[in-house]
Amino acid sequence: MTVRQDEINNGLMKNLIDNDPTAASRKQDHIVLAFQSQIQKGQLDERFYYEPLLAAHPRKGSLPQTDFLGKNLNAPLWVSSMTGGTEKGKTINQNLARACKDFGMGMGLGSCRSLLYSDDTLDDFNVRHLMGDDAPLLANLGVAQLEELIQENKLYLIGEMVKKLQANGLIIHVNPLQEWLQPEGDRFSMPPIQVIETILEKVDLPIIVKEVGQGMGYESLKTLLQMPLAAIDFAANGGTNFAKLELLRSNPIKQKIYESLAFVGHSAEEMVNMTNQLKEELGEKVKCKEIIISGGIQNFLDGYYLINKLNFNCVYGQASAFLKNATEEYEKLYDYVDAQIQGLELANAFLTVR
């Protein structure tokens, strides 16, 4: 019996439709959303060359590992120092530590000042058991606290604190504007660089130096790059600004007088450019070989761009973006980090920095 051609065609069409059951609704979405999807002049991200022909869609877990602080990270992401010493801080730190374990990231703790003389808040910071041994974890103290320990000849407390946290080293946060504007703030009696030099000389731990949301200028970076630090963390202006945060806690008169200070500082991109320039100028004098780029990094494209612009071994850090997703159920944070890493994988496959 002869089968007519139109019956064959109908059968083929039926199979095609069956294999794409969402076709009709998808096409309807395209019609409805087309005018909302227009890109206006000036909105184009001109930081990248987009190369759609040269790679397949990336496999999950396709990012190259990053050797940072002597550890292998599965993603070039750093959880920047945030909080501790409160019940909510405990939940946040534990969620962040779980994410570091699940995604192979590193983490800096918030200020651990309360642990120097007491273990009352230890549970808020004690996250090594959640991270495992493979992820870098750094404790954190401010210049003011370190200056006090130097004056009291109690630097041994730093080693004890780091040991009970099972941390891999210490972050020193340098925050003169924050301390000046904080209602309860301390006053520095010596330049922070002298404190850092003393710690490097007398404390046998890997040391990272960071700002807290203003960034650092040329001369500060030049000085730090010539010191045997484990890393420098930019903490540039553009993200959470702790000087501004403390100002918001002050009285209205002080807010009006000092509000312009929140806008003093350096962006992460400016600091990348200065650091590259200094690497060329200093040559073999550079002793600090690793950088955490942080401050104002809103998404994976910002991070991907900057780590590819900087001529150092580096990762990029985020604070507020993690914080927003770490205060409740862990699944929310997991989904956020997973999406960011998939974005990095996509960028790595199809984008090159101009």
Protein backbone atom coordinates (compact mmCIF):
# COMPACT_ATOMS: atom_id res chain seq x y z
CA MET A 1 0.00 0.00 0.00
CA THR A 2 1.38 3.44 -1.01
CA VAL A 3 1.65 6.09 1.72
CA ARG A 4 0.94 9.60 0.49
CA GLN A 5 3.62 12.29 0.88
CA ASP A 6 1.33 14.59 2.86
CA GLU A 7 0.79 11.88 5.46
CA ILE A 8 4.54 11.50 5.82
CA ASN A 9 4.94 15.26 6.23
CA ASN A 10 2.17 15.39 8.83
CA GLY A 11 3.84 12.62 10.76
CA LEU A 12 7.19 14.39 10.68
CA MET A 13 5.62 17.63 11.87
CA LYS A 14 3.88 15.86 14.71
CA ASN A 15 7.19 14.37 15.88
CA LEU A 16 8.90 17.75 15.71
CA ILE A 17 6.20 19.41 17.80
CA ASP A 18 6.25 16.59 20.32
CA ASN A 19 10.02 17.05 20.71
CA ASP A 20 9.60 20.74 21.56
CA PRO A 21 6.53 20.92 23.80
CA THR A 22 7.30 24.47 25.04
CA ALA A 23 7.68 25.96 21.57
CA ALA A 24 4.32 27.76 21.47
CA SER A 25 4.60 29.33 24.93
CA ARG A 26 8.25 30.27 24.34
CA LYS A 27 7.44 32.02 21.06
CA GLN A 28 4.59 33.87 22.77
CA ASP A 29 7.04 35.02 25.48
CA HIS A 30 9.38 36.26 22.77
CA ILE A 31 6.62 38.41 21.28
CA VAL A 32 5.51 39.83 24.63
CA LEU A 33 9.03 40.50 25.96
CA ALA A 34 10.77 41.64 22.79
CA PHE A 35 10.28 45.36 23.41
CA GLN A 36 11.41 45.05 27.03
CA SER A 37 14.64 43.41 25.83
CA GLN A 38 16.01 46.31 23.81
CA ILE A 39 19.54 47.42 24.72
CA GLN A 40 19.92 51.18 24.58
CA LYS A 41 22.96 53.06 23.37
CA GLY A 42 25.46 53.42 26.18
CA GLN A 43 24.36 50.23 27.96
CA LEU A 44 26.81 47.95 26.16
CA ASP A 45 29.50 46.47 28.41
CA GLU A 46 32.63 47.38 26.48
CA ARG A 47 35.12 45.69 28.82
CA PHE A 48 35.07 42.43 26.87
CA TYR A 49 35.42 40.84 23.48
CA TYR A 50 32.57 38.36 23.07
CA GLU A 51 33.62 35.26 21.12
CA PRO A 52 30.56 33.02 20.55
CA LEU A 53 32.19 30.60 18.09
CA LEU A 54 35.19 29.26 19.94
CA ALA A 55 33.82 27.19 22.82
CA ALA A 56 30.99 24.88 23.78
CA HIS A 57 28.82 25.63 26.80
CA PRO A 58 31.03 25.07 29.84
CA ARG A 59 30.69 22.01 32.00
CA LYS A 60 29.93 22.49 35.68
CA GLY A 61 33.20 22.61 37.54
CA SER A 62 35.20 23.68 34.49
CA LEU A 63 36.96 26.65 36.11
CA PRO A 64 40.71 26.14 36.49
CA GLN A 65 41.81 25.81 40.10
CA THR A 66 43.47 28.81 41.72
CA ASP A 67 46.48 28.27 43.98
CA PHE A 68 46.03 30.94 46.64
CA LEU A 69 47.59 31.24 50.09
CA GLY A 70 49.00 27.75 49.62
CA LYS A 71 45.55 26.22 49.05
CA ASN A 72 43.78 25.08 45.90
CA LEU A 73 40.55 27.01 45.35
CA ASN A 74 37.91 25.70 42.97
CA ALA A 75 36.79 29.26 42.20
CA PRO A 76 38.68 32.59 42.38
CA LEU A 77 36.24 33.88 44.98
CA TRP A 78 36.94 35.19 48.47
CA VAL A 79 34.40 35.77 51.23
CA SER A 80 35.49 39.15 52.56
CA SER A 81 35.54 39.88 56.28
CA MET A 82 32.14 40.85 57.67
CA THR A 83 30.81 40.06 61.08
CA GLY A 84 30.82 38.10 64.32
CA GLY A 85 30.03 38.46 67.99
CA THR A 86 26.25 38.40 67.56
CA GLU A 87 23.65 35.66 67.18
CA LYS A 88 22.95 36.70 63.59
CA GLY A 89 26.69 36.82 62.99
CA LYS A 90 26.92 33.17 63.99
CA THR A 91 24.31 32.15 61.41
CA ILE A 92 26.00 34.25 58.72
CA ASN A 93 29.48 32.89 59.38
CA GLN A 94 28.28 29.30 59.49
CA ASN A 95 26.41 29.67 56.19
CA LEU A 96 29.42 31.30 54.57
CA ALA A 97 31.72 28.57 55.85
CA ARG A 98 29.46 25.89 54.37
CA ALA A 99 29.56 27.69 51.03
CA CYS A 100 33.36 27.78 51.17
CA LYS A 101 33.36 24.03 51.70
CA ASP A 102 30.83 23.33 48.94
CA PHE A 103 32.39 25.61 46.33
CA GLY A 104 36.07 25.63 47.26
CA MET A 105 36.42 29.29 48.29
CA GLY A 106 38.45 31.12 50.93
CA MET A 107 37.17 33.26 53.79
CA GLY A 108 38.23 36.07 56.09
CA LEU A 109 36.45 36.38 59.42
CA GLY A 110 35.10 39.64 60.78
CA SER A 111 36.95 41.39 63.60
CA CYS A 112 37.90 38.77 66.21
CA ARG A 113 38.72 41.34 68.90
CA SER A 114 36.29 39.78 71.37
CA LEU A 115 38.27 36.50 71.28
CA LEU A 116 41.53 37.97 72.53
CA TYR A 117 40.56 37.80 76.20
CA SER A 118 37.45 35.60 76.26
CA ASP A 119 35.85 32.62 74.50
CA ASP A 120 32.32 33.91 75.08
CA THR A 121 31.78 34.58 71.36
CA LEU A 122 33.90 31.71 70.04
CA ASP A 123 30.89 29.87 68.62
CA ASP A 124 30.15 32.85 66.35
CA PHE A 125 33.55 32.51 64.68
CA ASN A 126 34.32 28.81 65.09
CA VAL A 127 33.67 27.55 61.56
CA ARG A 128 36.70 25.43 60.65
CA HIS A 129 34.73 22.22 61.20
CA LEU A 130 32.22 23.43 58.60
CA MET A 131 34.87 24.50 56.07
CA GLY A 132 37.12 21.47 56.24
CA ASP A 133 40.89 21.69 56.14
CA ASP A 134 41.31 22.52 52.45
CA ALA A 135 39.90 26.06 52.42
CA PRO A 136 41.91 29.06 53.68
CA LEU A 137 40.44 30.73 56.77
CA LEU A 138 41.91 33.92 58.22
CA ALA A 139 41.29 35.58 61.58
CA ASN A 140 41.01 39.37 61.71
CA LEU A 141 42.14 42.17 64.03
CA GLY A 142 42.30 45.94 63.63
CA VAL A 143 45.37 48.14 63.86
CA ALA A 144 44.09 49.69 67.09
CA GLN A 145 43.89 46.31 68.85
CA LEU A 146 47.33 45.30 67.58
CA GLU A 147 48.82 48.59 68.74
CA GLU A 148 47.38 47.91 72.18
CA LEU A 149 48.83 44.38 72.25
CA ILE A 150 52.24 45.75 71.27
CA GLN A 151 52.15 48.35 74.04
CA GLU A 152 51.06 45.75 76.60
CA ASN A 153 53.60 43.18 75.38
CA LYS A 154 50.80 40.66 74.73
CA LEU A 155 51.37 39.69 71.12
CA TYR A 156 51.28 36.03 72.18
CA LEU A 157 47.49 36.41 72.39
CA ILE A 158 47.34 36.62 68.60
CA GLY A 159 48.81 33.14 68.18
CA GLU A 160 46.46 31.74 70.83
CA MET A 161 43.43 33.27 69.10
CA VAL A 162 44.44 32.00 65.67
CA LYS A 163 45.09 28.53 67.10
CA LYS A 164 41.67 28.17 68.73
CA LEU A 165 40.03 29.25 65.46
CA GLN A 166 42.24 26.77 63.55
CA ALA A 167 42.87 29.65 61.15
CA ASN A 168 45.66 29.86 58.59
CA GLY A 169 46.78 33.37 59.48
CA LEU A 170 45.74 36.90 60.39
CA ILE A 171 44.13 39.76 58.49
CA ILE A 172 45.06 43.23 59.75
CA HIS A 173 42.38 45.75 58.90
CA VAL A 174 43.60 49.33 58.55
CA ASN A 175 40.77 51.76 59.25
CA PRO A 176 41.80 55.26 60.39
CA LEU A 177 38.70 56.99 58.97
CA GLN A 178 36.36 54.38 60.42
CA GLU A 179 37.92 54.73 63.88
CA TRP A 180 37.79 58.53 63.66
CA LEU A 181 34.09 58.55 62.76
CA GLN A 182 32.98 55.70 65.03
CA PRO A 183 31.36 57.07 68.20
CA GLU A 184 33.33 54.55 70.27
CA GLY A 185 36.38 54.66 67.99
CA ASP A 186 40.02 54.29 69.01
CA ARG A 187 42.83 56.69 68.13
CA PHE A 188 46.09 55.49 66.59
CA SER A 189 49.23 56.60 68.42
CA MET A 190 51.55 55.37 65.67
CA PRO A 191 51.24 55.02 61.89
CA PRO A 192 49.66 51.67 60.91
CA ILE A 193 52.74 50.75 58.86
CA GLN A 194 54.79 50.62 62.08
CA VAL A 195 52.25 48.26 63.63
CA ILE A 196 52.33 46.02 60.56
CA GLU A 197 56.15 45.94 60.58
CA THR A 198 56.16 44.93 64.25
CA ILE A 199 53.63 42.15 63.67
CA LEU A 200 55.62 40.79 60.73
CA GLU A 201 58.77 40.82 62.85
CA LYS A 202 57.35 39.26 66.02
CA VAL A 203 54.36 37.10 64.98
CA ASP A 204 55.09 33.96 62.98
CA LEU A 205 51.90 33.83 60.92
CA PRO A 206 50.84 34.59 57.34
CA ILE A 207 49.60 38.20 57.36
CA ILE A 208 47.11 39.92 55.05
CA VAL A 209 46.55 43.69 55.18
CA LYS A 210 43.23 45.20 54.11
CA GLU A 211 41.35 48.48 54.22
CA VAL A 212 37.65 48.59 55.11
CA GLY A 213 35.95 50.28 52.19
CA GLN A 214 38.09 53.29 51.21
CA GLY A 215 40.85 51.47 49.39
CA MET A 216 44.51 52.53 49.39
CA GLY A 217 46.56 54.95 47.35
CA TYR A 218 49.82 54.64 45.44
CA GLU A 219 52.26 55.17 48.31
CA SER A 220 50.45 52.79 50.68
CA LEU A 221 50.35 50.08 48.00
CA LYS A 222 53.99 50.68 47.17
CA THR A 223 54.97 50.19 50.80
CA LEU A 224 52.87 47.06 51.29
CA LEU A 225 54.04 45.38 48.09
CA GLN A 226 57.62 45.51 49.40
CA MET A 227 56.70 43.73 52.64
CA PRO A 228 56.62 39.92 53.10
CA LEU A 229 52.83 39.77 53.33
CA ALA A 230 50.77 36.74 52.38
CA ALA A 231 48.41 39.05 50.45
CA ILE A 232 46.93 42.53 50.19
CA ASP A 233 43.13 42.92 50.22
CA PHE A 234 42.09 46.11 48.45
CA ALA A 235 38.73 46.69 50.21
CA ALA A 236 38.28 49.53 47.75
CA ASN A 237 35.72 52.31 47.70
CA GLY A 238 32.52 51.29 45.93
CA GLY A 239 31.16 48.60 48.22
CA THR A 240 30.36 48.67 51.93
CA ASN A 241 32.10 51.73 53.35
CA PHE A 242 32.65 51.40 57.09
CA ALA A 243 33.54 55.05 57.51
CA LYS A 244 30.10 55.91 56.14
CA LEU A 245 28.52 53.16 58.22
CA GLU A 246 29.98 54.57 61.43
CA LEU A 247 29.00 58.10 60.40
CA LEU A 248 25.39 56.95 60.14
CA ARG A 249 25.64 55.96 63.81
CA SER A 250 26.82 59.44 64.79
CA ASN A 251 24.92 62.59 65.70
CA PRO A 252 23.47 64.79 62.91
CA ILE A 253 26.08 67.54 63.31
CA LYS A 254 28.95 65.11 62.88
CA GLN A 255 27.21 63.52 59.91
CA LYS A 256 26.94 66.86 58.14
CA ILE A 257 30.55 67.83 58.83
CA TYR A 258 32.17 64.56 57.80
CA GLU A 259 29.83 63.10 55.15
CA SER A 260 32.22 63.97 52.30
CA LEU A 261 34.85 61.60 53.76
CA ALA A 262 32.79 58.62 52.61
CA PHE A 263 33.65 59.59 49.04
CA VAL A 264 37.41 59.72 49.60
CA GLY A 265 39.37 56.72 48.40
CA HIS A 266 40.10 54.53 45.41
CA SER A 267 38.05 52.14 43.30
CA ALA A 268 39.07 48.53 42.74
CA GLU A 269 39.87 49.21 39.08
CA GLU A 270 42.05 52.18 39.98
CA MET A 271 43.90 50.02 42.52
CA VAL A 272 44.38 47.28 39.91
CA ASN A 273 45.99 49.84 37.60
CA MET A 274 48.21 51.25 40.36
CA THR A 275 49.29 47.78 41.43
CA ASN A 276 50.21 46.79 37.88
CA GLN A 277 52.21 50.01 37.54
CA LEU A 278 54.00 49.36 40.82
CA LYS A 279 54.88 45.82 39.80
CA GLU A 280 56.67 47.22 36.77
CA GLU A 281 58.39 49.95 38.77
CA LEU A 282 59.49 47.83 41.73
CA GLY A 283 60.52 44.67 39.89
CA GLU A 284 62.36 42.30 42.23
CA LYS A 285 61.57 44.51 45.24
CA VAL A 286 58.00 43.13 45.22
CA LYS A 287 57.70 40.64 48.10
CA CYS A 288 53.92 40.35 48.37
CA LYS A 289 52.81 38.11 45.50
CA GLU A 290 49.04 37.69 46.00
CA ILE A 291 46.08 40.07 45.94
CA ILE A 292 42.41 39.98 46.95
CA ILE A 293 40.51 42.43 44.73
CA SER A 294 37.49 43.66 46.68
CA GLY A 295 35.29 46.70 47.01
CA GLY A 296 32.35 47.43 44.75
CA ILE A 297 32.39 44.11 42.89
CA GLN A 298 28.70 43.63 42.16
CA ASN A 299 28.73 40.45 40.08
CA PHE A 300 30.82 37.80 38.36
CA LEU A 301 31.52 40.04 35.33
CA ASP A 302 33.14 42.67 37.57
CA GLY A 303 35.22 39.99 39.25
CA TYR A 304 36.18 38.25 36.01
CA TYR A 305 37.23 41.55 34.45
CA LEU A 306 39.43 42.66 37.36
CA ILE A 307 41.21 39.37 38.02
CA ASN A 308 42.11 39.25 34.34
CA LYS A 309 43.36 42.85 34.40
CA LEU A 310 45.63 42.39 37.42
CA ASN A 311 49.11 40.99 36.75
CA PHE A 312 49.29 39.20 40.09
CA ASN A 313 48.05 35.88 41.39
CA CYS A 314 44.65 36.98 42.67
CA VAL A 315 41.07 36.26 43.63
CA TYR A 316 38.18 38.66 44.01
CA GLY A 317 36.23 39.23 47.20
CA GLN A 318 32.67 40.17 48.00
CA ALA A 319 31.04 41.08 51.28
CA SER A 320 27.59 42.66 51.00
CA ALA A 321 26.52 40.40 48.13
CA PHE A 322 27.28 37.35 50.26
CA LEU A 323 25.81 38.97 53.36
CA LYS A 324 22.43 39.57 51.70
CA ASN A 325 22.10 35.87 50.98
CA ALA A 326 23.64 34.42 54.14
CA THR A 327 21.27 35.66 56.84
CA GLU A 328 18.58 32.99 56.43
CA GLU A 329 18.40 29.46 55.05
CA TYR A 330 21.62 28.11 53.59
CA GLU A 331 19.88 27.13 50.34
CA LYS A 332 19.49 30.80 49.38
CA LEU A 333 23.23 31.39 49.72
CA TYR A 334 24.00 28.13 47.91
CA ASP A 335 21.89 29.14 44.92
CA TYR A 336 23.50 32.59 44.81
CA VAL A 337 27.07 31.26 44.85
CA ASP A 338 26.23 28.50 42.39
CA ALA A 339 24.85 31.07 39.93
CA GLN A 340 27.92 33.30 40.34
CA ILE A 341 30.29 30.42 39.63
CA GLN A 342 28.28 29.31 36.61
CA GLY A 343 28.53 32.90 35.40
CA LEU A 344 32.32 32.78 35.81
CA GLU A 345 32.41 29.54 33.83
CA LEU A 346 30.37 31.16 31.07
CA ALA A 347 32.60 34.24 31.03
CA ASN A 348 35.70 32.06 30.94
CA ALA A 349 34.34 30.27 27.87
CA PHE A 350 33.09 33.20 25.79
CA LEU A 351 34.64 36.47 27.01
CA THR A 352 38.14 37.92 26.82
CA VAL A 353 39.13 41.19 28.43
CA ARG A 354 39.87 44.04 26.01
